[in-house]
Amino acid sequence: MTETMFLKSLLEITMLICFGAAWPISIYKSWTSRSSRGKSALFLVVIIVGYLAGIGKCLLDSTHWSVVALYVVNVTMVSIDMLLYFRNEALEKKTAESC
């Protein structure tokens, strides 16, 4: 691996760790609030598509597995947050119907 390739991977890993640090907090808030307020399914889909594009780029470039693994972890966390979004939407609808 050349110095430039190493630096590119290091920068990408740093970006993924920084972006990924926010998802556990978002998941926790989605889980505990039981509300979809302030969330957007479209936004979550756009994020997932972006991470999947990153995985595709890594596979085409034969990027080190650790970078791909970080993309997979991030996609998984966003997917969990999306599932919680739909759960919370259903809970809100059920609550509205019972009132």
N, C-alpha and C. Protein backbone atom coordinates (compact mmCIF):
# COMPACT_ATOMS: atom_id res chain seq x y z
N MET A 1 0.86 -1.18 0.00
CA MET A 1 0.00 0.00 0.00
C MET A 1 0.90 1.24 0.00
N THR A 2 0.64 2.14 -0.92
CA THR A 2 1.44 3.35 -0.99
C THR A 2 1.03 4.31 0.13
N GLU A 3 1.88 5.32 0.34
CA GLU A 3 1.58 6.31 1.37
C GLU A 3 0.28 7.04 1.08
N THR A 4 0.04 7.36 -0.18
CA THR A 4 -1.18 8.07 -0.56
C THR A 4 -2.41 7.20 -0.31
N MET A 5 -2.33 5.93 -0.66
CA MET A 5 -3.46 5.02 -0.44
C MET A 5 -3.72 4.87 1.06
N PHE A 6 -2.66 4.78 1.84
CA PHE A 6 -2.80 4.67 3.29
C PHE A 6 -3.48 5.91 3.87
N LEU A 7 -3.05 7.08 3.41
CA LEU A 7 -3.63 8.33 3.88
C LEU A 7 -5.10 8.43 3.49
N LYS A 8 -5.44 8.04 2.26
CA LYS A 8 -6.84 8.05 1.83
C LYS A 8 -7.69 7.15 2.72
N SER A 9 -7.19 5.95 3.00
CA SER A 9 -7.91 5.03 3.86
C SER A 9 -8.04 5.57 5.27
N LEU A 10 -6.98 6.17 5.79
CA LEU A 10 -7.02 6.73 7.13
C LEU A 10 -8.04 7.86 7.23
N LEU A 11 -8.08 8.71 6.22
CA LEU A 11 -9.06 9.80 6.20
C LEU A 11 -10.49 9.27 6.11
N GLU A 12 -10.68 8.25 5.28
CA GLU A 12 -12.02 7.65 5.14
C GLU A 12 -12.46 6.97 6.43
N ILE A 13 -11.55 6.28 7.09
CA ILE A 13 -11.84 5.64 8.37
C ILE A 13 -12.21 6.68 9.41
N THR A 14 -11.46 7.79 9.45
CA THR A 14 -11.77 8.87 10.39
C THR A 14 -13.16 9.43 10.14
N MET A 15 -13.51 9.66 8.88
CA MET A 15 -14.82 10.17 8.52
C MET A 15 -15.91 9.20 8.96
N LEU A 16 -15.72 7.92 8.72
CA LEU A 16 -16.73 6.93 9.08
C LEU A 16 -16.90 6.81 10.59
N ILE A 17 -15.81 6.90 11.33
CA ILE A 17 -15.89 6.85 12.79
C ILE A 17 -16.63 8.08 13.32
N CYS A 18 -16.30 9.24 12.77
CA CYS A 18 -16.97 10.47 13.23
C CYS A 18 -18.46 10.44 12.91
N PHE A 19 -18.82 10.07 11.68
CA PHE A 19 -20.23 9.99 11.33
C PHE A 19 -20.92 8.89 12.13
N GLY A 20 -20.24 7.78 12.29
CA GLY A 20 -20.82 6.64 12.99
C GLY A 20 -21.04 6.88 14.48
N ALA A 21 -20.30 7.80 15.06
CA ALA A 21 -20.44 8.07 16.49
C ALA A 21 -21.81 8.62 16.83
N ALA A 22 -22.47 9.25 15.88
CA ALA A 22 -23.78 9.86 16.14
C ALA A 22 -24.92 8.83 16.15
N TRP A 23 -24.76 7.73 15.46
CA TRP A 23 -25.89 6.79 15.31
C TRP A 23 -26.30 6.09 16.60
N PRO A 24 -25.37 5.66 17.46
CA PRO A 24 -25.84 5.05 18.72
C PRO A 24 -26.69 6.00 19.55
N ILE A 25 -26.34 7.29 19.53
CA ILE A 25 -27.13 8.29 20.26
C ILE A 25 -28.51 8.42 19.64
N SER A 26 -28.57 8.47 18.33
CA SER A 26 -29.84 8.58 17.63
C SER A 26 -30.71 7.34 17.88
N ILE A 27 -30.10 6.17 17.87
CA ILE A 27 -30.84 4.93 18.14
C ILE A 27 -31.39 4.96 19.56
N TYR A 28 -30.58 5.36 20.50
CA TYR A 28 -31.02 5.43 21.90
C TYR A 28 -32.20 6.38 22.05
N LYS A 29 -32.10 7.55 21.43
CA LYS A 29 -33.19 8.52 21.51
C LYS A 29 -34.45 7.99 20.84
N SER A 30 -34.31 7.31 19.71
CA SER A 30 -35.47 6.73 19.03
C SER A 30 -36.12 5.66 19.91
N TRP A 31 -35.30 4.86 20.54
CA TRP A 31 -35.80 3.77 21.37
C TRP A 31 -36.54 4.30 22.60
N THR A 32 -35.93 5.27 23.28
CA THR A 32 -36.50 5.74 24.54
C THR A 32 -37.64 6.73 24.35
N SER A 33 -37.60 7.53 23.31
CA SER A 33 -38.64 8.55 23.12
C SER A 33 -39.94 7.94 22.59
N ARG A 34 -39.82 6.83 21.87
CA ARG A 34 -40.98 6.19 21.25
C ARG A 34 -41.74 7.18 20.36
N SER A 35 -40.98 8.09 19.75
CA SER A 35 -41.56 9.12 18.90
C SER A 35 -40.73 9.24 17.62
N SER A 36 -41.42 9.50 16.52
CA SER A 36 -40.72 9.71 15.25
C SER A 36 -40.52 11.19 14.95
N ARG A 37 -40.95 12.04 15.88
CA ARG A 37 -40.78 13.49 15.67
C ARG A 37 -39.31 13.83 15.49
N GLY A 38 -39.05 14.68 14.53
CA GLY A 38 -37.68 15.10 14.26
C GLY A 38 -36.90 14.13 13.39
N LYS A 39 -37.54 13.06 12.96
CA LYS A 39 -36.88 12.06 12.11
C LYS A 39 -37.50 12.13 10.72
N SER A 40 -36.76 11.69 9.73
CA SER A 40 -37.24 11.63 8.36
C SER A 40 -36.81 10.30 7.75
N ALA A 41 -37.77 9.51 7.31
CA ALA A 41 -37.45 8.24 6.66
C ALA A 41 -36.64 8.49 5.39
N LEU A 42 -37.00 9.53 4.65
CA LEU A 42 -36.27 9.85 3.42
C LEU A 42 -34.81 10.17 3.72
N PHE A 43 -34.56 10.94 4.76
CA PHE A 43 -33.19 11.26 5.16
C PHE A 43 -32.41 9.99 5.47
N LEU A 44 -33.03 9.08 6.23
CA LEU A 44 -32.35 7.84 6.59
C LEU A 44 -32.06 7.00 5.35
N VAL A 45 -32.98 6.98 4.39
CA VAL A 45 -32.76 6.24 3.15
C VAL A 45 -31.58 6.84 2.38
N VAL A 46 -31.53 8.17 2.31
CA VAL A 46 -30.42 8.83 1.61
C VAL A 46 -29.08 8.47 2.26
N ILE A 47 -29.05 8.44 3.58
CA ILE A 47 -27.81 8.08 4.29
C ILE A 47 -27.42 6.63 3.97
N ILE A 48 -28.39 5.73 4.00
CA ILE A 48 -28.11 4.32 3.69
C ILE A 48 -27.58 4.19 2.27
N VAL A 49 -28.21 4.86 1.31
CA VAL A 49 -27.74 4.80 -0.09
C VAL A 49 -26.31 5.32 -0.18
N GLY A 50 -26.01 6.40 0.53
CA GLY A 50 -24.64 6.93 0.53
C GLY A 50 -23.63 5.94 1.08
N TYR A 51 -23.98 5.29 2.18
CA TYR A 51 -23.07 4.28 2.75
C TYR A 51 -22.91 3.09 1.80
N LEU A 52 -24.00 2.67 1.16
CA LEU A 52 -23.91 1.56 0.20
C LEU A 52 -23.03 1.94 -1.00
N ALA A 53 -23.13 3.20 -1.43
CA ALA A 53 -22.25 3.66 -2.51
C ALA A 53 -20.79 3.62 -2.05
N GLY A 54 -20.55 3.98 -0.80
CA GLY A 54 -19.19 3.91 -0.25
C GLY A 54 -18.66 2.48 -0.24
N ILE A 55 -19.54 1.53 0.12
CA ILE A 55 -19.14 0.12 0.10
C ILE A 55 -18.80 -0.30 -1.32
N GLY A 56 -19.64 0.11 -2.27
CA GLY A 56 -19.38 -0.23 -3.67
C GLY A 56 -18.05 0.32 -4.15
N LYS A 57 -17.76 1.57 -3.78
CA LYS A 57 -16.48 2.19 -4.14
C LYS A 57 -15.32 1.41 -3.56
N CYS A 58 -15.46 1.00 -2.31
CA CYS A 58 -14.39 0.23 -1.66
C CYS A 58 -14.17 -1.10 -2.35
N LEU A 59 -15.26 -1.75 -2.73
CA LEU A 59 -15.12 -3.05 -3.40
C LEU A 59 -14.47 -2.90 -4.77
N LEU A 60 -14.80 -1.83 -5.48
CA LEU A 60 -14.19 -1.59 -6.79
C LEU A 60 -12.71 -1.23 -6.66
N ASP A 61 -12.35 -0.53 -5.58
CA ASP A 61 -10.96 -0.12 -5.37
C ASP A 61 -10.14 -1.16 -4.61
N SER A 62 -10.76 -2.26 -4.24
CA SER A 62 -10.09 -3.27 -3.41
C SER A 62 -9.55 -2.64 -2.12
N THR A 63 -10.38 -1.81 -1.50
CA THR A 63 -10.00 -1.13 -0.27
C THR A 63 -9.87 -2.14 0.86
N HIS A 64 -9.05 -1.81 1.84
CA HIS A 64 -8.84 -2.67 2.99
C HIS A 64 -10.17 -3.02 3.66
N TRP A 65 -10.30 -4.23 4.14
CA TRP A 65 -11.56 -4.72 4.73
C TRP A 65 -12.04 -3.88 5.90
N SER A 66 -11.12 -3.23 6.62
CA SER A 66 -11.53 -2.45 7.80
C SER A 66 -12.40 -1.26 7.40
N VAL A 67 -12.15 -0.68 6.25
CA VAL A 67 -12.97 0.44 5.77
C VAL A 67 -14.36 -0.07 5.42
N VAL A 68 -14.42 -1.19 4.71
CA VAL A 68 -15.71 -1.79 4.35
C VAL A 68 -16.48 -2.15 5.62
N ALA A 69 -15.80 -2.69 6.61
CA ALA A 69 -16.46 -3.07 7.86
C ALA A 69 -17.09 -1.86 8.54
N LEU A 70 -16.43 -0.71 8.51
CA LEU A 70 -17.00 0.49 9.11
C LEU A 70 -18.24 0.95 8.36
N TYR A 71 -18.21 0.85 7.03
CA TYR A 71 -19.41 1.18 6.25
C TYR A 71 -20.56 0.24 6.64
N VAL A 72 -20.26 -1.04 6.77
CA VAL A 72 -21.30 -2.02 7.13
C VAL A 72 -21.87 -1.71 8.52
N VAL A 73 -21.01 -1.39 9.47
CA VAL A 73 -21.47 -1.03 10.82
C VAL A 73 -22.39 0.19 10.75
N ASN A 74 -21.99 1.21 9.99
CA ASN A 74 -22.81 2.41 9.88
C ASN A 74 -24.15 2.12 9.20
N VAL A 75 -24.15 1.34 8.13
CA VAL A 75 -25.40 0.98 7.45
C VAL A 75 -26.31 0.23 8.43
N THR A 76 -25.74 -0.65 9.22
CA THR A 76 -26.52 -1.41 10.19
C THR A 76 -27.16 -0.48 11.22
N MET A 77 -26.38 0.48 11.72
CA MET A 77 -26.94 1.39 12.72
C MET A 77 -28.04 2.27 12.14
N VAL A 78 -27.84 2.77 10.93
CA VAL A 78 -28.88 3.60 10.30
C VAL A 78 -30.13 2.76 10.04
N SER A 79 -29.93 1.51 9.65
CA SER A 79 -31.07 0.62 9.41
C SER A 79 -31.85 0.36 10.70
N ILE A 80 -31.15 0.20 11.79
CA ILE A 80 -31.81 0.03 13.10
C ILE A 80 -32.61 1.28 13.43
N ASP A 81 -32.01 2.45 13.21
CA ASP A 81 -32.72 3.70 13.48
C ASP A 81 -33.96 3.81 12.59
N MET A 82 -33.86 3.35 11.34
CA MET A 82 -35.01 3.39 10.44
C MET A 82 -36.12 2.45 10.93
N LEU A 83 -35.76 1.27 11.37
CA LEU A 83 -36.75 0.34 11.92
C LEU A 83 -37.45 0.95 13.13
N LEU A 84 -36.68 1.62 13.97
CA LEU A 84 -37.26 2.29 15.13
C LEU A 84 -38.17 3.43 14.70
N TYR A 85 -37.82 4.12 13.63
CA TYR A 85 -38.68 5.17 13.11
C TYR A 85 -40.06 4.60 12.77
N PHE A 86 -40.08 3.49 12.05
CA PHE A 86 -41.36 2.89 11.66
C PHE A 86 -42.10 2.32 12.87
N ARG A 87 -41.35 1.77 13.82
CA ARG A 87 -41.99 1.32 15.07
C ARG A 87 -42.65 2.49 15.78
N ASN A 88 -41.92 3.59 15.88
CA ASN A 88 -42.45 4.75 16.56
C ASN A 88 -43.64 5.36 15.83
N GLU A 89 -43.60 5.35 14.51
CA GLU A 89 -44.75 5.82 13.73
C GLU A 89 -45.98 4.97 14.07
N ALA A 90 -45.80 3.66 14.14
CA ALA A 90 -46.92 2.77 14.47
C ALA A 90 -47.42 3.02 15.89
N LEU A 91 -46.50 3.22 16.83
CA LEU A 91 -46.91 3.52 18.22
C LEU A 91 -47.69 4.82 18.30
N GLU A 92 -47.24 5.84 17.56
CA GLU A 92 -47.94 7.12 17.55
C GLU A 92 -49.33 6.99 16.94
N LYS A 93 -49.43 6.20 15.88
CA LYS A 93 -50.73 6.00 15.24
C LYS A 93 -51.68 5.27 16.19
N LYS A 94 -51.17 4.26 16.89
CA LYS A 94 -51.98 3.50 17.84
C LYS A 94 -52.44 4.40 18.98
N THR A 95 -51.56 5.26 19.47
CA THR A 95 -51.92 6.18 20.54
C THR A 95 -52.98 7.17 20.07
N ALA A 96 -52.83 7.67 18.85
CA ALA A 96 -53.80 8.64 18.31
C ALA A 96 -55.19 8.00 18.14
N GLU A 97 -55.20 6.74 17.74
CA GLU A 97 -56.47 6.04 17.55
C GLU A 97 -57.18 5.76 18.87
N SER A 98 -56.42 5.55 19.93
CA SER A 98 -57.03 5.22 21.22
C SER A 98 -57.53 6.46 21.95
N CYS A 99 -57.17 7.64 21.49
CA CYS A 99 -57.63 8.88 22.16
C CYS A 99 -59.01 9.28 21.72
